[in-house]
Amino acid sequence: MVGRLSRRDFVKYVAWLTANTALSASAHGATKVSSSRPNFVFILADDLGWADVGCYGSDLHETPNIDELARQGMRFTDAYAAAPVCSPTRASIMTGKYPARLHMTIWYESSANPPRNRRLIPPVTQGNMPHEQVTIAEVLKNAGYFTAHIGKWHLGDAAHYPQTQGFDVNIGGTFWGAPTTFFYPYGGSSRWGGEFRYVPHLEFGSEGEYLTDRLTDEALRVIERTTSLSWSNITKRRSRRVCIIRITNTLQWYIVSMKTSAVS
């Protein structure tokens, strides 16, 4: 059908674009390339139904900002997550590979001891995203970007945290899939066997503070620290390049910004 883009062609295009971005930076230097690179935003939400936002027909949830992005850009009508659960989906996004190729097909906590009370019993899988896999953060960092991860990680133990996978900064990312509570201080005994869970690096909050709001504030602080411009002016003056990937329901931000002398 004319005008339709197959999944295979889309993946090929993204791979080509990423590779050329990295090669361009290597050949010409990050400072020179930064003046021609556009900003880009990638938004992903766990458990978001295809009709849960306004631009896809929702009459319940109001999503004016996402609707505006859809009006200004490209809206896909046929797209699928790589897996129905969290850790494999994240691994696929980070590496560009199917979860089965990574041997990561179930969430981290159950990778070594998958549930046995199902008709189809999952195999024992890889819980930690292997370091030998190349992540998009590593590719961008090698191309001269500053990279930050804020929020849920869920891709391995402390030896496989974001700092070991191409991110300069990690705020809140651990091997846990969910906190005990989504309100400050974000810690306590959990419903998972009474295990004490917490979200690190979110100290000095206030009563009633909500985790998604706090992580958003942390993301804005990272942007402010890595650019001398306000976010609203970046697209106008083009002197800095920032990529934000926010995973809303799963509390995750990725921030990638061109390294320049403005970084404090």
C-alpha atoms as a PDB file:
ATOM      1  CA  MET A   1       0.000   0.000   0.000  1.00  0.00           C
ATOM      2  CA  VAL A   2       1.424   3.353  -0.994  1.00  0.00           C
ATOM      3  CA  GLY A   3       2.552   5.482   1.927  1.00  0.00           C
ATOM      4  CA  ARG A   4       2.891   2.602   4.406  1.00  0.00           C
ATOM      5  CA  LEU A   5       6.264   1.921   6.015  1.00  0.00           C
ATOM      6  CA  SER A   6       6.981  -1.644   7.041  1.00  0.00           C
ATOM      7  CA  ARG A   7       8.510  -2.377  10.446  1.00  0.00           C
ATOM      8  CA  ARG A   8      11.622  -3.826   8.797  1.00  0.00           C
ATOM      9  CA  ASP A   9      12.125  -0.702   6.667  1.00  0.00           C
ATOM     10  CA  PHE A  10      11.566   1.540   9.697  1.00  0.00           C
ATOM     11  CA  VAL A  11      14.188  -0.333  11.748  1.00  0.00           C
ATOM     12  CA  LYS A  12      16.617  -0.146   8.836  1.00  0.00           C
ATOM     13  CA  TYR A  13      16.052   3.607   8.550  1.00  0.00           C
ATOM     14  CA  VAL A  14      16.597   4.194  12.286  1.00  0.00           C
ATOM     15  CA  ALA A  15      19.787   2.101  12.232  1.00  0.00           C
ATOM     16  CA  TRP A  16      21.057   4.021   9.198  1.00  0.00           C
ATOM     17  CA  LEU A  17      20.244   7.370  10.813  1.00  0.00           C
ATOM     18  CA  THR A  18      21.980   6.458  14.100  1.00  0.00           C
ATOM     19  CA  ALA A  19      25.069   5.153  12.326  1.00  0.00           C
ATOM     20  CA  ASN A  20      25.351   8.235  10.145  1.00  0.00           C
ATOM     21  CA  THR A  21      24.933  10.495  13.183  1.00  0.00           C
ATOM     22  CA  ALA A  22      27.846   8.800  14.912  1.00  0.00           C
ATOM     23  CA  LEU A  23      30.031   8.779  11.792  1.00  0.00           C
ATOM     24  CA  SER A  24      29.259  12.420  11.093  1.00  0.00           C
ATOM     25  CA  ALA A  25      30.290  13.399  14.604  1.00  0.00           C
ATOM     26  CA  SER A  26      33.525  11.432  14.343  1.00  0.00           C
ATOM     27  CA  ALA A  27      34.421  12.928  11.001  1.00  0.00           C
ATOM     28  CA  HIS A  28      33.594  16.555  11.703  1.00  0.00           C
ATOM     29  CA  GLY A  29      33.770  16.930  15.468  1.00  0.00           C
ATOM     30  CA  ALA A  30      30.904  17.263  17.932  1.00  0.00           C
ATOM     31  CA  THR A  31      30.960  21.057  18.070  1.00  0.00           C
ATOM     32  CA  LYS A  32      30.634  21.489  14.326  1.00  0.00           C
ATOM     33  CA  VAL A  33      27.920  18.848  13.932  1.00  0.00           C
ATOM     34  CA  SER A  34      25.883  20.206  16.849  1.00  0.00           C
ATOM     35  CA  SER A  35      24.955  23.267  14.813  1.00  0.00           C
ATOM     36  CA  SER A  36      23.081  21.123  12.255  1.00  0.00           C
ATOM     37  CA  ARG A  37      21.536  18.386  14.404  1.00  0.00           C
ATOM     38  CA  PRO A  38      17.855  18.757  15.222  1.00  0.00           C
ATOM     39  CA  ASN A  39      16.386  18.142  18.653  1.00  0.00           C
ATOM     40  CA  PHE A  40      14.374  14.940  18.911  1.00  0.00           C
ATOM     41  CA  VAL A  41      11.950  13.612  21.489  1.00  0.00           C
ATOM     42  CA  PHE A  42      10.971   9.964  21.967  1.00  0.00           C
ATOM     43  CA  ILE A  43       8.092   9.258  24.381  1.00  0.00           C
ATOM     44  CA  LEU A  44       7.219   5.757  25.541  1.00  0.00           C
ATOM     45  CA  ALA A  45       4.643   4.729  28.152  1.00  0.00           C
ATOM     46  CA  ASP A  46       4.176   1.309  29.714  1.00  0.00           C
ATOM     47  CA  ASP A  47       0.635  -0.081  29.667  1.00  0.00           C
ATOM     48  CA  LEU A  48      -0.615   2.673  27.365  1.00  0.00           C
ATOM     49  CA  GLY A  49      -3.451   1.482  25.166  1.00  0.00           C
ATOM     50  CA  TRP A  50      -3.392   2.479  21.519  1.00  0.00           C
ATOM     51  CA  ALA A  51      -6.521   4.637  21.995  1.00  0.00           C
ATOM     52  CA  ASP A  52      -5.574   6.185  25.354  1.00  0.00           C
ATOM     53  CA  VAL A  53      -4.384   9.565  24.003  1.00  0.00           C
ATOM     54  CA  GLY A  54      -6.330  12.229  22.180  1.00  0.00           C
ATOM     55  CA  CYS A  55      -4.649  11.963  18.797  1.00  0.00           C
ATOM     56  CA  TYR A  56      -5.694   8.301  18.646  1.00  0.00           C
ATOM     57  CA  GLY A  57      -9.305   8.942  19.558  1.00  0.00           C
ATOM     58  CA  SER A  58      -9.456   9.032  23.360  1.00  0.00           C
ATOM     59  CA  ASP A  59     -12.438  10.947  24.740  1.00  0.00           C
ATOM     60  CA  LEU A  60     -11.440  10.320  28.372  1.00  0.00           C
ATOM     61  CA  HIS A  61      -7.786  11.298  28.791  1.00  0.00           C
ATOM     62  CA  GLU A  62      -6.768  14.828  27.835  1.00  0.00           C
ATOM     63  CA  THR A  63      -3.314  14.851  26.208  1.00  0.00           C
ATOM     64  CA  PRO A  64      -2.951  18.245  24.511  1.00  0.00           C
ATOM     65  CA  ASN A  65       0.858  18.254  24.381  1.00  0.00           C
ATOM     66  CA  ILE A  66       1.089  14.808  22.815  1.00  0.00           C
ATOM     67  CA  ASP A  67      -1.699  15.748  20.411  1.00  0.00           C
ATOM     68  CA  GLU A  68       0.278  18.810  19.361  1.00  0.00           C
ATOM     69  CA  LEU A  69       3.384  16.692  18.726  1.00  0.00           C
ATOM     70  CA  ALA A  70       1.272  14.387  16.560  1.00  0.00           C
ATOM     71  CA  ARG A  71      -0.035  17.325  14.530  1.00  0.00           C
ATOM     72  CA  GLN A  72       3.489  18.598  13.911  1.00  0.00           C
ATOM     73  CA  GLY A  73       5.079  15.251  13.119  1.00  0.00           C
ATOM     74  CA  MET A  74       4.426  11.709  11.956  1.00  0.00           C
ATOM     75  CA  ARG A  75       1.719   9.559  13.573  1.00  0.00           C
ATOM     76  CA  PHE A  76       2.142   5.790  13.291  1.00  0.00           C
ATOM     77  CA  THR A  77      -0.978   3.634  12.972  1.00  0.00           C
ATOM     78  CA  ASP A  78       0.744   0.228  13.059  1.00  0.00           C
ATOM     79  CA  ALA A  79       3.392  -0.132  15.754  1.00  0.00           C
ATOM     80  CA  TYR A  80       4.036  -2.746  18.396  1.00  0.00           C
ATOM     81  CA  ALA A  81       6.105  -3.137  21.558  1.00  0.00           C
ATOM     82  CA  ALA A  82       8.870  -5.733  21.399  1.00  0.00           C
ATOM     83  CA  ALA A  83       7.459  -7.562  24.428  1.00  0.00           C
ATOM     84  CA  PRO A  84       4.398  -7.451  26.725  1.00  0.00           C
ATOM     85  CA  VAL A  85       6.512  -6.918  29.857  1.00  0.00           C
ATOM     86  CA  CYS A  86       8.951  -4.282  31.064  1.00  0.00           C
ATOM     87  CA  SER A  87      12.590  -5.488  31.137  1.00  0.00           C
ATOM     88  CA  PRO A  88      12.572  -7.132  27.676  1.00  0.00           C
ATOM     89  CA  THR A  89      10.935  -4.062  26.145  1.00  0.00           C
ATOM     90  CA  ARG A  90      13.569  -1.762  27.627  1.00  0.00           C
ATOM     91  CA  ALA A  91      16.405  -4.023  26.505  1.00  0.00           C
ATOM     92  CA  SER A  92      15.027  -3.990  22.976  1.00  0.00           C
ATOM     93  CA  ILE A  93      14.787  -0.196  22.955  1.00  0.00           C
ATOM     94  CA  MET A  94      18.313   0.192  24.298  1.00  0.00           C
ATOM     95  CA  THR A  95      19.944  -2.265  21.873  1.00  0.00           C
ATOM     96  CA  GLY A  96      17.658  -2.338  18.838  1.00  0.00           C
ATOM     97  CA  LYS A  97      17.377  -6.131  19.095  1.00  0.00           C
ATOM     98  CA  TYR A  98      14.488  -8.480  19.701  1.00  0.00           C
ATOM     99  CA  PRO A  99      14.308  -9.668  23.347  1.00  0.00           C
ATOM    100  CA  ALA A 100      14.728 -13.298  22.245  1.00  0.00           C
ATOM    101  CA  ARG A 101      18.080 -12.477  20.647  1.00  0.00           C
ATOM    102  CA  LEU A 102      19.184 -10.990  23.949  1.00  0.00           C
ATOM    103  CA  HIS A 103      17.799 -13.951  25.923  1.00  0.00           C
ATOM    104  CA  MET A 104      15.808 -11.417  27.957  1.00  0.00           C
ATOM    105  CA  THR A 105      12.152 -12.405  27.660  1.00  0.00           C
ATOM    106  CA  ILE A 106      10.840 -11.852  31.191  1.00  0.00           C
ATOM    107  CA  TRP A 107      11.194  -9.158  33.849  1.00  0.00           C
ATOM    108  CA  TYR A 108      14.451  -8.990  35.810  1.00  0.00           C
ATOM    109  CA  GLU A 109      13.187 -10.407  39.120  1.00  0.00           C
ATOM    110  CA  SER A 110      11.893 -13.609  37.484  1.00  0.00           C
ATOM    111  CA  SER A 111      14.713 -14.167  34.996  1.00  0.00           C
ATOM    112  CA  ALA A 112      16.487 -16.814  37.100  1.00  0.00           C
ATOM    113  CA  ASN A 113      13.303 -18.299  38.575  1.00  0.00           C
ATOM    114  CA  PRO A 114      10.401 -17.809  36.155  1.00  0.00           C
ATOM    115  CA  PRO A 115       6.808 -18.523  37.238  1.00  0.00           C
ATOM    116  CA  ARG A 116       5.771 -22.172  36.992  1.00  0.00           C
ATOM    117  CA  ASN A 117       1.998 -21.813  37.319  1.00  0.00           C
ATOM    118  CA  ARG A 118       1.322 -21.142  33.632  1.00  0.00           C
ATOM    119  CA  ARG A 119       0.380 -23.269  30.650  1.00  0.00           C
ATOM    120  CA  LEU A 120       3.541 -22.077  28.935  1.00  0.00           C
ATOM    121  CA  ILE A 121       6.437 -22.118  31.406  1.00  0.00           C
ATOM    122  CA  PRO A 122       9.012 -19.404  30.592  1.00  0.00           C
ATOM    123  CA  PRO A 123      12.656 -20.471  30.287  1.00  0.00           C
ATOM    124  CA  VAL A 124      15.466 -19.322  32.544  1.00  0.00           C
ATOM    125  CA  THR A 125      16.739 -16.146  30.886  1.00  0.00           C
ATOM    126  CA  GLN A 126      19.332 -13.393  31.139  1.00  0.00           C
ATOM    127  CA  GLY A 127      18.458 -10.858  33.847  1.00  0.00           C
ATOM    128  CA  ASN A 128      21.324  -8.440  33.245  1.00  0.00           C
ATOM    129  CA  MET A 129      21.642  -6.652  29.920  1.00  0.00           C
ATOM    130  CA  PRO A 130      25.063  -7.851  28.726  1.00  0.00           C
ATOM    131  CA  HIS A 131      27.805  -5.248  28.507  1.00  0.00           C
ATOM    132  CA  GLU A 132      28.895  -6.592  25.144  1.00  0.00           C
ATOM    133  CA  GLN A 133      25.621  -5.361  23.667  1.00  0.00           C
ATOM    134  CA  VAL A 134      25.936  -1.877  22.170  1.00  0.00           C
ATOM    135  CA  THR A 135      23.296   0.504  23.513  1.00  0.00           C
ATOM    136  CA  ILE A 136      21.937   3.615  21.854  1.00  0.00           C
ATOM    137  CA  ALA A 137      23.368   5.589  24.788  1.00  0.00           C
ATOM    138  CA  GLU A 138      26.850   4.284  24.022  1.00  0.00           C
ATOM    139  CA  VAL A 139      26.512   5.176  20.340  1.00  0.00           C
ATOM    140  CA  LEU A 140      25.371   8.717  21.146  1.00  0.00           C
ATOM    141  CA  LYS A 141      28.006   9.174  23.854  1.00  0.00           C
ATOM    142  CA  ASN A 142      30.719   8.137  21.406  1.00  0.00           C
ATOM    143  CA  ALA A 143      29.315  10.732  19.012  1.00  0.00           C
ATOM    144  CA  GLY A 144      29.933  13.488  21.565  1.00  0.00           C
ATOM    145  CA  TYR A 145      26.742  13.556  23.619  1.00  0.00           C
ATOM    146  CA  PHE A 146      26.189  13.922  27.344  1.00  0.00           C
ATOM    147  CA  THR A 147      23.781  11.204  28.438  1.00  0.00           C
ATOM    148  CA  ALA A 148      21.548  10.948  31.509  1.00  0.00           C
ATOM    149  CA  HIS A 149      19.068   8.377  32.735  1.00  0.00           C
ATOM    150  CA  ILE A 150      16.347   9.373  35.197  1.00  0.00           C
ATOM    151  CA  GLY A 151      13.862   6.921  36.675  1.00  0.00           C
ATOM    152  CA  LYS A 152      13.187   3.222  36.253  1.00  0.00           C
ATOM    153  CA  TRP A 153      16.022   1.073  34.845  1.00  0.00           C
ATOM    154  CA  HIS A 154      15.095  -2.590  35.519  1.00  0.00           C
ATOM    155  CA  LEU A 155      17.833  -3.980  33.263  1.00  0.00           C
ATOM    156  CA  GLY A 156      20.219  -5.561  35.701  1.00  0.00           C
ATOM    157  CA  ASP A 157      22.030  -5.477  39.011  1.00  0.00           C
ATOM    158  CA  ALA A 158      24.363  -2.728  40.218  1.00  0.00           C
ATOM    159  CA  ALA A 159      27.148  -3.975  37.957  1.00  0.00           C
ATOM    160  CA  HIS A 160      24.822  -3.367  34.993  1.00  0.00           C
ATOM    161  CA  TYR A 161      23.309  -0.011  35.974  1.00  0.00           C
ATOM    162  CA  PRO A 162      22.986   2.834  33.428  1.00  0.00           C
ATOM    163  CA  GLN A 163      26.470   4.176  34.208  1.00  0.00           C
ATOM    164  CA  THR A 164      27.916   0.939  32.785  1.00  0.00           C
ATOM    165  CA  GLN A 165      25.734   1.075  29.672  1.00  0.00           C
ATOM    166  CA  GLY A 166      26.627   4.474  28.228  1.00  0.00           C
ATOM    167  CA  PHE A 167      24.977   6.966  30.594  1.00  0.00           C
ATOM    168  CA  ASP A 168      26.961   9.718  32.318  1.00  0.00           C
ATOM    169  CA  VAL A 169      24.285  10.261  34.972  1.00  0.00           C
ATOM    170  CA  ASN A 170      21.783   7.930  36.647  1.00  0.00           C
ATOM    171  CA  ILE A 171      19.093   9.279  38.949  1.00  0.00           C
ATOM    172  CA  GLY A 172      16.717   6.742  40.430  1.00  0.00           C
ATOM    173  CA  GLY A 173      17.590   3.767  38.241  1.00  0.00           C
ATOM    174  CA  THR A 174      17.945   0.406  40.009  1.00  0.00           C
ATOM    175  CA  PHE A 175      17.224  -3.272  39.392  1.00  0.00           C
ATOM    176  CA  TRP A 176      13.760  -2.930  40.950  1.00  0.00           C
ATOM    177  CA  GLY A 177      10.740  -2.774  38.692  1.00  0.00           C
ATOM    178  CA  ALA A 178       8.600  -0.577  40.946  1.00  0.00           C
ATOM    179  CA  PRO A 179       8.979   1.376  44.201  1.00  0.00           C
ATOM    180  CA  THR A 180       7.086   0.670  47.400  1.00  0.00           C
ATOM    181  CA  THR A 181       5.261   3.968  47.029  1.00  0.00           C
ATOM    182  CA  PHE A 182       4.997   6.704  44.423  1.00  0.00           C
ATOM    183  CA  PHE A 183       5.013   9.426  47.082  1.00  0.00           C
ATOM    184  CA  TYR A 184       7.932  10.921  49.002  1.00  0.00           C
ATOM    185  CA  PRO A 185      10.115   9.516  50.519  1.00  0.00           C
ATOM    186  CA  TYR A 186       9.561   6.720  47.974  1.00  0.00           C
ATOM    187  CA  GLY A 187      10.768   3.940  50.272  1.00  0.00           C
ATOM    188  CA  GLY A 188       9.657   1.301  52.747  1.00  0.00           C
ATOM    189  CA  SER A 189       8.743  -2.350  53.086  1.00  0.00           C
ATOM    190  CA  SER A 190       7.136  -3.515  49.877  1.00  0.00           C
ATOM    191  CA  ARG A 191       4.315  -5.880  49.021  1.00  0.00           C
ATOM    192  CA  TRP A 192       6.911  -8.145  47.452  1.00  0.00           C
ATOM    193  CA  GLY A 193       7.753 -10.262  50.474  1.00  0.00           C
ATOM    194  CA  GLY A 194       8.351  -7.269  52.714  1.00  0.00           C
ATOM    195  CA  GLU A 195      11.523  -6.289  50.853  1.00  0.00           C
ATOM    196  CA  PHE A 196      12.643  -2.728  51.601  1.00  0.00           C
ATOM    197  CA  ARG A 197      12.723  -0.700  48.379  1.00  0.00           C
ATOM    198  CA  TYR A 198      13.659   2.892  47.686  1.00  0.00           C
ATOM    199  CA  VAL A 199      14.386   5.285  44.823  1.00  0.00           C
ATOM    200  CA  PRO A 200      17.939   6.649  45.187  1.00  0.00           C
ATOM    201  CA  HIS A 201      19.078  10.262  44.702  1.00  0.00           C
ATOM    202  CA  LEU A 202      15.674  11.804  45.429  1.00  0.00           C
ATOM    203  CA  GLU A 203      16.405  13.152  48.890  1.00  0.00           C
ATOM    204  CA  PHE A 204      15.141  16.436  50.359  1.00  0.00           C
ATOM    205  CA  GLY A 205      11.611  16.169  49.038  1.00  0.00           C
ATOM    206  CA  SER A 206       8.407  17.203  50.769  1.00  0.00           C
ATOM    207  CA  GLU A 207       5.299  15.458  52.032  1.00  0.00           C
ATOM    208  CA  GLY A 208       2.853  14.710  49.234  1.00  0.00           C
ATOM    209  CA  GLU A 209       5.489  14.991  46.501  1.00  0.00           C
ATOM    210  CA  TYR A 210       4.634  12.643  43.604  1.00  0.00           C
ATOM    211  CA  LEU A 211       7.343  10.568  41.954  1.00  0.00           C
ATOM    212  CA  THR A 212       6.503  11.431  38.340  1.00  0.00           C
ATOM    213  CA  ASP A 213       6.569  15.155  39.176  1.00  0.00           C
ATOM    214  CA  ARG A 214       9.873  14.817  41.033  1.00  0.00           C
ATOM    215  CA  LEU A 215      11.505  12.913  38.196  1.00  0.00           C
ATOM    216  CA  THR A 216      10.298  15.566  35.768  1.00  0.00           C
ATOM    217  CA  ASP A 217      11.928  18.235  37.939  1.00  0.00           C
ATOM    218  CA  GLU A 218      15.149  16.198  38.015  1.00  0.00           C
ATOM    219  CA  ALA A 219      15.095  15.955  34.224  1.00  0.00           C
ATOM    220  CA  LEU A 220      14.685  19.720  33.931  1.00  0.00           C
ATOM    221  CA  ARG A 221      17.618  20.241  36.300  1.00  0.00           C
ATOM    222  CA  VAL A 222      19.803  18.061  34.102  1.00  0.00           C
ATOM    223  CA  ILE A 223      18.795  20.104  31.068  1.00  0.00           C
ATOM    224  CA  GLU A 224      19.603  23.319  32.935  1.00  0.00           C
ATOM    225  CA  ARG A 225      23.000  21.987  33.980  1.00  0.00           C
ATOM    226  CA  THR A 226      23.905  20.934  30.450  1.00  0.00           C
ATOM    227  CA  THR A 227      22.818  24.036  28.593  1.00  0.00           C
ATOM    228  CA  SER A 228      22.948  27.762  29.165  1.00  0.00           C
ATOM    229  CA  LEU A 229      19.607  28.128  27.365  1.00  0.00           C
ATOM    230  CA  SER A 230      16.112  27.488  28.609  1.00  0.00           C
ATOM    231  CA  TRP A 231      14.342  24.481  27.041  1.00  0.00           C
ATOM    232  CA  SER A 232      11.872  26.765  25.246  1.00  0.00           C
ATOM    233  CA  ASN A 233      14.721  28.549  23.471  1.00  0.00           C
ATOM    234  CA  ILE A 234      16.693  25.521  22.353  1.00  0.00           C
ATOM    235  CA  THR A 235      14.689  24.921  19.200  1.00  0.00           C
ATOM    236  CA  LYS A 236      14.882  28.616  18.317  1.00  0.00           C
ATOM    237  CA  ARG A 237      18.610  29.195  18.667  1.00  0.00           C
ATOM    238  CA  ARG A 238      19.884  25.697  17.817  1.00  0.00           C
ATOM    239  CA  SER A 239      23.128  26.173  19.768  1.00  0.00           C
ATOM    240  CA  ARG A 240      22.465  23.034  21.863  1.00  0.00           C
ATOM    241  CA  ARG A 241      20.958  19.686  21.000  1.00  0.00           C
ATOM    242  CA  VAL A 242      18.940  17.833  23.607  1.00  0.00           C
ATOM    243  CA  CYS A 243      17.080  14.541  23.296  1.00  0.00           C
ATOM    244  CA  ILE A 244      14.553  13.587  25.955  1.00  0.00           C
ATOM    245  CA  ILE A 245      12.998  10.147  26.113  1.00  0.00           C
ATOM    246  CA  ARG A 246      10.340   9.965  28.810  1.00  0.00           C
ATOM    247  CA  ILE A 247       8.647   6.761  29.842  1.00  0.00           C
ATOM    248  CA  THR A 248       5.737   8.114  31.828  1.00  0.00           C
ATOM    249  CA  ASN A 249       3.983   5.305  33.659  1.00  0.00           C
ATOM    250  CA  THR A 250       7.294   3.568  34.294  1.00  0.00           C
ATOM    251  CA  LEU A 251       8.932   6.732  35.559  1.00  0.00           C
ATOM    252  CA  GLN A 252      11.841   7.027  33.200  1.00  0.00           C
ATOM    253  CA  TRP A 253      13.613   9.804  31.359  1.00  0.00           C
ATOM    254  CA  TYR A 254      16.577   9.596  29.027  1.00  0.00           C
ATOM    255  CA  ILE A 255      18.335  12.880  28.329  1.00  0.00           C
ATOM    256  CA  VAL A 256      21.011  13.248  25.684  1.00  0.00           C
ATOM    257  CA  SER A 257      22.683  16.605  25.117  1.00  0.00           C
ATOM    258  CA  MET A 258      25.593  17.699  22.945  1.00  0.00           C
ATOM    259  CA  LYS A 259      28.725  18.267  25.013  1.00  0.00           C
ATOM    260  CA  THR A 260      30.000  21.831  24.784  1.00  0.00           C
ATOM    261  CA  SER A 261      31.885  24.256  26.988  1.00  0.00           C
ATOM    262  CA  ALA A 262      28.531  25.293  28.475  1.00  0.00           C
ATOM    263  CA  VAL A 263      28.321  22.088  30.526  1.00  0.00           C
ATOM    264  CA  SER A 264      28.833  23.006  34.176  1.00  0.00           C
END
